[in-house]
Amino acid sequence: RVELGTADFALCPTESIISYRTKS
């Protein structure tokens, strides 16, 4: 939702952030 711009903030585990930083 943050990536799509429909949310300013998301709750997620740290690994989600790593995953978004390292995806294709």
PDB file of all heavy atoms in Angstrom:
ATOM      1  N   ARG A   1       0.831  -1.202   0.000  1.00  0.00           N
ATOM      2  CA  ARG A   1       0.000   0.000   0.000  1.00  0.00           C
ATOM      3  C   ARG A   1       0.872   1.261   0.000  1.00  0.00           C
ATOM      4  O   ARG A   1       0.544   2.255  -0.646  1.00  0.00           O
ATOM      5  CB  ARG A   1      -0.937  -0.010   1.208  1.00  0.00           C
ATOM      6  CG  ARG A   1      -2.028  -1.066   1.129  1.00  0.00           C
ATOM      7  CD  ARG A   1      -2.914  -1.056   2.374  1.00  0.00           C
ATOM      8  NE  ARG A   1      -3.814  -2.189   2.404  1.00  0.00           N
ATOM      9  CZ  ARG A   1      -5.017  -2.219   1.823  1.00  0.00           C
ATOM     10  NH1 ARG A   1      -5.438  -1.155   1.168  1.00  0.00           N
ATOM     11  NH2 ARG A   1      -5.762  -3.285   1.896  1.00  0.00           N
ATOM     12  N   VAL A   2       1.992   1.197   0.715  1.00  0.00           N
ATOM     13  CA  VAL A   2       2.918   2.331   0.689  1.00  0.00           C
ATOM     14  C   VAL A   2       3.527   2.473  -0.705  1.00  0.00           C
ATOM     15  O   VAL A   2       3.622   3.571  -1.254  1.00  0.00           O
ATOM     16  CB  VAL A   2       4.028   2.162   1.755  1.00  0.00           C
ATOM     17  CG1 VAL A   2       5.115   3.213   1.575  1.00  0.00           C
ATOM     18  CG2 VAL A   2       3.426   2.272   3.152  1.00  0.00           C
ATOM     19  N   GLU A   3       3.923   1.353  -1.296  1.00  0.00           N
ATOM     20  CA  GLU A   3       4.499   1.402  -2.646  1.00  0.00           C
ATOM     21  C   GLU A   3       3.506   1.964  -3.654  1.00  0.00           C
ATOM     22  O   GLU A   3       3.873   2.742  -4.550  1.00  0.00           O
ATOM     23  CB  GLU A   3       4.947   0.005  -3.078  1.00  0.00           C
ATOM     24  CG  GLU A   3       5.640   0.003  -4.434  1.00  0.00           C
ATOM     25  CD  GLU A   3       6.078  -1.388  -4.872  1.00  0.00           C
ATOM     26  OE1 GLU A   3       5.446  -2.380  -4.456  1.00  0.00           O
ATOM     27  OE2 GLU A   3       7.056  -1.471  -5.642  1.00  0.00           O
ATOM     28  N   LEU A   4       2.243   1.604  -3.494  1.00  0.00           N
ATOM     29  CA  LEU A   4       1.204   2.079  -4.414  1.00  0.00           C
ATOM     30  C   LEU A   4       0.780   3.516  -4.138  1.00  0.00           C
ATOM     31  O   LEU A   4       0.059   4.117  -4.936  1.00  0.00           O
ATOM     32  CB  LEU A   4      -0.022   1.154  -4.328  1.00  0.00           C
ATOM     33  CG  LEU A   4       0.174  -0.279  -4.814  1.00  0.00           C
ATOM     34  CD1 LEU A   4      -1.057  -1.120  -4.501  1.00  0.00           C
ATOM     35  CD2 LEU A   4       0.485  -0.304  -6.304  1.00  0.00           C
ATOM     36  N   GLY A   5       1.199   4.043  -2.983  1.00  0.00           N
ATOM     37  CA  GLY A   5       0.839   5.415  -2.641  1.00  0.00           C
ATOM     38  C   GLY A   5      -0.515   5.560  -1.981  1.00  0.00           C
ATOM     39  O   GLY A   5      -0.999   6.678  -1.791  1.00  0.00           O
ATOM     40  N   THR A   6      -1.126   4.435  -1.578  1.00  0.00           N
ATOM     41  CA  THR A   6      -2.435   4.509  -0.913  1.00  0.00           C
ATOM     42  C   THR A   6      -2.299   4.569   0.601  1.00  0.00           C
ATOM     43  O   THR A   6      -3.289   4.734   1.304  1.00  0.00           O
ATOM     44  CB  THR A   6      -3.316   3.313  -1.302  1.00  0.00           C
ATOM     45  OG1 THR A   6      -2.675   2.094  -0.934  1.00  0.00           O
ATOM     46  CG2 THR A   6      -3.572   3.305  -2.808  1.00  0.00           C
ATOM     47  N   ALA A   7      -1.074   4.428   1.114  1.00  0.00           N
ATOM     48  CA  ALA A   7      -0.816   4.565   2.548  1.00  0.00           C
ATOM     49  C   ALA A   7       0.477   5.347   2.736  1.00  0.00           C
ATOM     50  O   ALA A   7       1.428   5.197   1.960  1.00  0.00           O
ATOM     51  CB  ALA A   7      -0.708   3.205   3.228  1.00  0.00           C
ATOM     52  N   ASP A   8       0.497   6.200   3.760  1.00  0.00           N
ATOM     53  CA  ASP A   8       1.724   6.911   4.110  1.00  0.00           C
ATOM     54  C   ASP A   8       2.648   6.014   4.919  1.00  0.00           C
ATOM     55  O   ASP A   8       3.873   6.063   4.747  1.00  0.00           O
ATOM     56  CB  ASP A   8       1.380   8.157   4.942  1.00  0.00           C
ATOM     57  CG  ASP A   8       0.617   9.193   4.158  1.00  0.00           C
ATOM     58  OD1 ASP A   8       1.254   9.923   3.376  1.00  0.00           O
ATOM     59  OD2 ASP A   8      -0.625   9.266   4.309  1.00  0.00           O
ATOM     60  N   PHE A   9       2.045   5.235   5.800  1.00  0.00           N
ATOM     61  CA  PHE A   9       2.816   4.370   6.694  1.00  0.00           C
ATOM     62  C   PHE A   9       2.246   2.957   6.664  1.00  0.00           C
ATOM     63  O   PHE A   9       1.032   2.768   6.529  1.00  0.00           O
ATOM     64  CB  PHE A   9       2.766   4.882   8.136  1.00  0.00           C
ATOM     65  CG  PHE A   9       3.390   6.230   8.337  1.00  0.00           C
ATOM     66  CD1 PHE A   9       2.603   7.363   8.456  1.00  0.00           C
ATOM     67  CD2 PHE A   9       4.765   6.368   8.403  1.00  0.00           C
ATOM     68  CE1 PHE A   9       3.172   8.617   8.643  1.00  0.00           C
ATOM     69  CE2 PHE A   9       5.349   7.621   8.596  1.00  0.00           C
ATOM     70  CZ  PHE A   9       4.548   8.740   8.712  1.00  0.00           C
ATOM     71  N   ALA A  10       3.145   1.997   6.809  1.00  0.00           N
ATOM     72  CA  ALA A  10       2.743   0.595   6.923  1.00  0.00           C
ATOM     73  C   ALA A  10       3.406  -0.006   8.147  1.00  0.00           C
ATOM     74  O   ALA A  10       4.528   0.359   8.499  1.00  0.00           O
ATOM     75  CB  ALA A  10       3.153  -0.191   5.687  1.00  0.00           C
ATOM     76  N   LEU A  11       2.710  -0.924   8.791  1.00  0.00           N
ATOM     77  CA  LEU A  11       3.339  -1.745   9.817  1.00  0.00           C
ATOM     78  C   LEU A  11       3.783  -3.039   9.151  1.00  0.00           C
ATOM     79  O   LEU A  11       3.005  -3.676   8.435  1.00  0.00           O
ATOM     80  CB  LEU A  11       2.360  -2.057  10.949  1.00  0.00           C
ATOM     81  CG  LEU A  11       1.906  -0.892  11.820  1.00  0.00           C
ATOM     82  CD1 LEU A  11       1.171  -1.431  13.045  1.00  0.00           C
ATOM     83  CD2 LEU A  11       3.053  -0.015  12.244  1.00  0.00           C
ATOM     84  N   CYS A  12       5.023  -3.411   9.389  1.00  0.00           N
ATOM     85  CA  CYS A  12       5.564  -4.629   8.800  1.00  0.00           C
ATOM     86  C   CYS A  12       6.814  -5.033   9.576  1.00  0.00           C
ATOM     87  O   CYS A  12       7.382  -4.225  10.307  1.00  0.00           O
ATOM     88  CB  CYS A  12       5.904  -4.420   7.319  1.00  0.00           C
ATOM     89  SG  CYS A  12       7.178  -3.172   7.022  1.00  0.00           S
ATOM     90  N   PRO A  13       7.258  -6.273   9.422  1.00  0.00           N
ATOM     91  CA  PRO A  13       8.525  -6.676  10.046  1.00  0.00           C
ATOM     92  C   PRO A  13       9.701  -6.110   9.264  1.00  0.00           C
ATOM     93  O   PRO A  13       9.559  -5.740   8.095  1.00  0.00           O
ATOM     94  CB  PRO A  13       8.483  -8.205   9.967  1.00  0.00           C
ATOM     95  CG  PRO A  13       7.615  -8.491   8.790  1.00  0.00           C
ATOM     96  CD  PRO A  13       6.585  -7.395   8.748  1.00  0.00           C
ATOM     97  N   THR A  14      10.860  -6.065   9.894  1.00  0.00           N
ATOM     98  CA  THR A  14      12.054  -5.541   9.231  1.00  0.00           C
ATOM     99  C   THR A  14      12.340  -6.269   7.926  1.00  0.00           C
ATOM    100  O   THR A  14      12.777  -5.653   6.943  1.00  0.00           O
ATOM    101  CB  THR A  14      13.279  -5.667  10.162  1.00  0.00           C
ATOM    102  OG1 THR A  14      13.007  -4.997  11.388  1.00  0.00           O
ATOM    103  CG2 THR A  14      14.513  -5.049   9.525  1.00  0.00           C
ATOM    104  N   GLU A  15      12.087  -7.580   7.894  1.00  0.00           N
ATOM    105  CA  GLU A  15      12.427  -8.315   6.681  1.00  0.00           C
ATOM    106  C   GLU A  15      11.614  -7.873   5.470  1.00  0.00           C
ATOM    107  O   GLU A  15      12.056  -8.022   4.327  1.00  0.00           O
ATOM    108  CB  GLU A  15      12.306  -9.831   6.875  1.00  0.00           C
ATOM    109  CG  GLU A  15      10.959 -10.328   7.291  1.00  0.00           C
ATOM    110  CD  GLU A  15      10.888 -10.587   8.780  1.00  0.00           C
ATOM    111  OE1 GLU A  15      11.448  -9.781   9.546  1.00  0.00           O
ATOM    112  OE2 GLU A  15      10.268 -11.584   9.171  1.00  0.00           O
ATOM    113  N   SER A  16      10.419  -7.306   5.690  1.00  0.00           N
ATOM    114  CA  SER A  16       9.651  -6.773   4.563  1.00  0.00           C
ATOM    115  C   SER A  16      10.386  -5.600   3.924  1.00  0.00           C
ATOM    116  O   SER A  16      10.388  -5.437   2.698  1.00  0.00           O
ATOM    117  CB  SER A  16       8.268  -6.321   5.024  1.00  0.00           C
ATOM    118  OG  SER A  16       7.473  -7.421   5.417  1.00  0.00           O
ATOM    119  N   ILE A  17      11.009  -4.778   4.756  1.00  0.00           N
ATOM    120  CA  ILE A  17      11.764  -3.641   4.232  1.00  0.00           C
ATOM    121  C   ILE A  17      12.954  -4.136   3.421  1.00  0.00           C
ATOM    122  O   ILE A  17      13.226  -3.651   2.312  1.00  0.00           O
ATOM    123  CB  ILE A  17      12.220  -2.720   5.379  1.00  0.00           C
ATOM    124  CG1 ILE A  17      10.984  -2.106   6.048  1.00  0.00           C
ATOM    125  CG2 ILE A  17      13.173  -1.644   4.880  1.00  0.00           C
ATOM    126  CD1 ILE A  17      11.277  -1.287   7.267  1.00  0.00           C
ATOM    127  N   ILE A  18      13.655  -5.127   3.948  1.00  0.00           N
ATOM    128  CA  ILE A  18      14.789  -5.705   3.222  1.00  0.00           C
ATOM    129  C   ILE A  18      14.313  -6.279   1.888  1.00  0.00           C
ATOM    130  O   ILE A  18      14.945  -6.093   0.843  1.00  0.00           O
ATOM    131  CB  ILE A  18      15.466  -6.789   4.067  1.00  0.00           C
ATOM    132  CG1 ILE A  18      15.953  -6.202   5.389  1.00  0.00           C
ATOM    133  CG2 ILE A  18      16.623  -7.430   3.298  1.00  0.00           C
ATOM    134  CD1 ILE A  18      16.373  -7.239   6.408  1.00  0.00           C
ATOM    135  N   SER A  19      13.191  -6.965   1.930  1.00  0.00           N
ATOM    136  CA  SER A  19      12.641  -7.586   0.728  1.00  0.00           C
ATOM    137  C   SER A  19      12.312  -6.548  -0.338  1.00  0.00           C
ATOM    138  O   SER A  19      12.617  -6.723  -1.522  1.00  0.00           O
ATOM    139  CB  SER A  19      11.385  -8.393   1.092  1.00  0.00           C
ATOM    140  OG  SER A  19      10.832  -8.994  -0.049  1.00  0.00           O
ATOM    141  N   TYR A  20      11.710  -5.444   0.068  1.00  0.00           N
ATOM    142  CA  TYR A  20      11.364  -4.390  -0.896  1.00  0.00           C
ATOM    143  C   TYR A  20      12.609  -3.707  -1.444  1.00  0.00           C
ATOM    144  O   TYR A  20      12.644  -3.277  -2.596  1.00  0.00           O
ATOM    145  CB  TYR A  20      10.429  -3.364  -0.246  1.00  0.00           C
ATOM    146  CG  TYR A  20       8.972  -3.715  -0.457  1.00  0.00           C
ATOM    147  CD1 TYR A  20       8.371  -4.726   0.285  1.00  0.00           C
ATOM    148  CD2 TYR A  20       8.211  -3.072  -1.427  1.00  0.00           C
ATOM    149  CE1 TYR A  20       7.046  -5.077   0.080  1.00  0.00           C
ATOM    150  CE2 TYR A  20       6.888  -3.414  -1.643  1.00  0.00           C
ATOM    151  CZ  TYR A  20       6.314  -4.424  -0.882  1.00  0.00           C
ATOM    152  OH  TYR A  20       5.000  -4.777  -1.093  1.00  0.00           O
ATOM    153  N   ARG A  21      13.647  -3.630  -0.641  1.00  0.00           N
ATOM    154  CA  ARG A  21      14.888  -2.994  -1.079  1.00  0.00           C
ATOM    155  C   ARG A  21      15.673  -3.860  -2.056  1.00  0.00           C
ATOM    156  O   ARG A  21      16.492  -3.346  -2.828  1.00  0.00           O
ATOM    157  CB  ARG A  21      15.770  -2.708   0.138  1.00  0.00           C
ATOM    158  CG  ARG A  21      15.333  -1.507   0.949  1.00  0.00           C
ATOM    159  CD  ARG A  21      15.638  -0.233   0.189  1.00  0.00           C
ATOM    160  NE  ARG A  21      15.481   0.960   1.015  1.00  0.00           N
ATOM    161  CZ  ARG A  21      15.917   2.164   0.680  1.00  0.00           C
ATOM    162  NH1 ARG A  21      16.540   2.335  -0.462  1.00  0.00           N
ATOM    163  NH2 ARG A  21      15.720   3.196   1.469  1.00  0.00           N
ATOM    164  N   THR A  22      15.446  -5.164  -2.030  1.00  0.00           N
ATOM    165  CA  THR A  22      16.281  -6.081  -2.811  1.00  0.00           C
ATOM    166  C   THR A  22      15.510  -6.818  -3.908  1.00  0.00           C
ATOM    167  O   THR A  22      16.091  -7.671  -4.581  1.00  0.00           O
ATOM    168  CB  THR A  22      16.935  -7.128  -1.880  1.00  0.00           C
ATOM    169  OG1 THR A  22      15.913  -7.830  -1.168  1.00  0.00           O
ATOM    170  CG2 THR A  22      17.874  -6.455  -0.885  1.00  0.00           C
ATOM    171  N   LYS A  23      14.241  -6.501  -4.101  1.00  0.00           N
ATOM    172  CA  LYS A  23      13.494  -7.186  -5.157  1.00  0.00           C
ATOM    173  C   LYS A  23      13.964  -6.704  -6.527  1.00  0.00           C
ATOM    174  O   LYS A  23      14.742  -5.747  -6.639  1.00  0.00           O
ATOM    175  CB  LYS A  23      11.995  -6.991  -4.964  1.00  0.00           C
ATOM    176  CG  LYS A  23      11.501  -5.562  -5.106  1.00  0.00           C
ATOM    177  CD  LYS A  23       9.994  -5.507  -4.917  1.00  0.00           C
ATOM    178  CE  LYS A  23       9.458  -4.087  -5.146  1.00  0.00           C
ATOM    179  NZ  LYS A  23       8.000  -4.034  -5.160  1.00  0.00           N
ATOM    180  N   SER A  24      13.506  -7.352  -7.575  1.00  0.00           N
ATOM    181  CA  SER A  24      13.995  -7.050  -8.923  1.00  0.00           C
ATOM    182  C   SER A  24      13.745  -5.591  -9.316  1.00  0.00           C
ATOM    183  O   SER A  24      14.534  -4.992 -10.045  1.00  0.00           O
ATOM    184  CB  SER A  24      13.347  -7.991  -9.945  1.00  0.00           C
ATOM    185  OG  SER A  24      11.930  -7.901  -9.873  1.00  0.00           O
TER     186      SER A  24
END
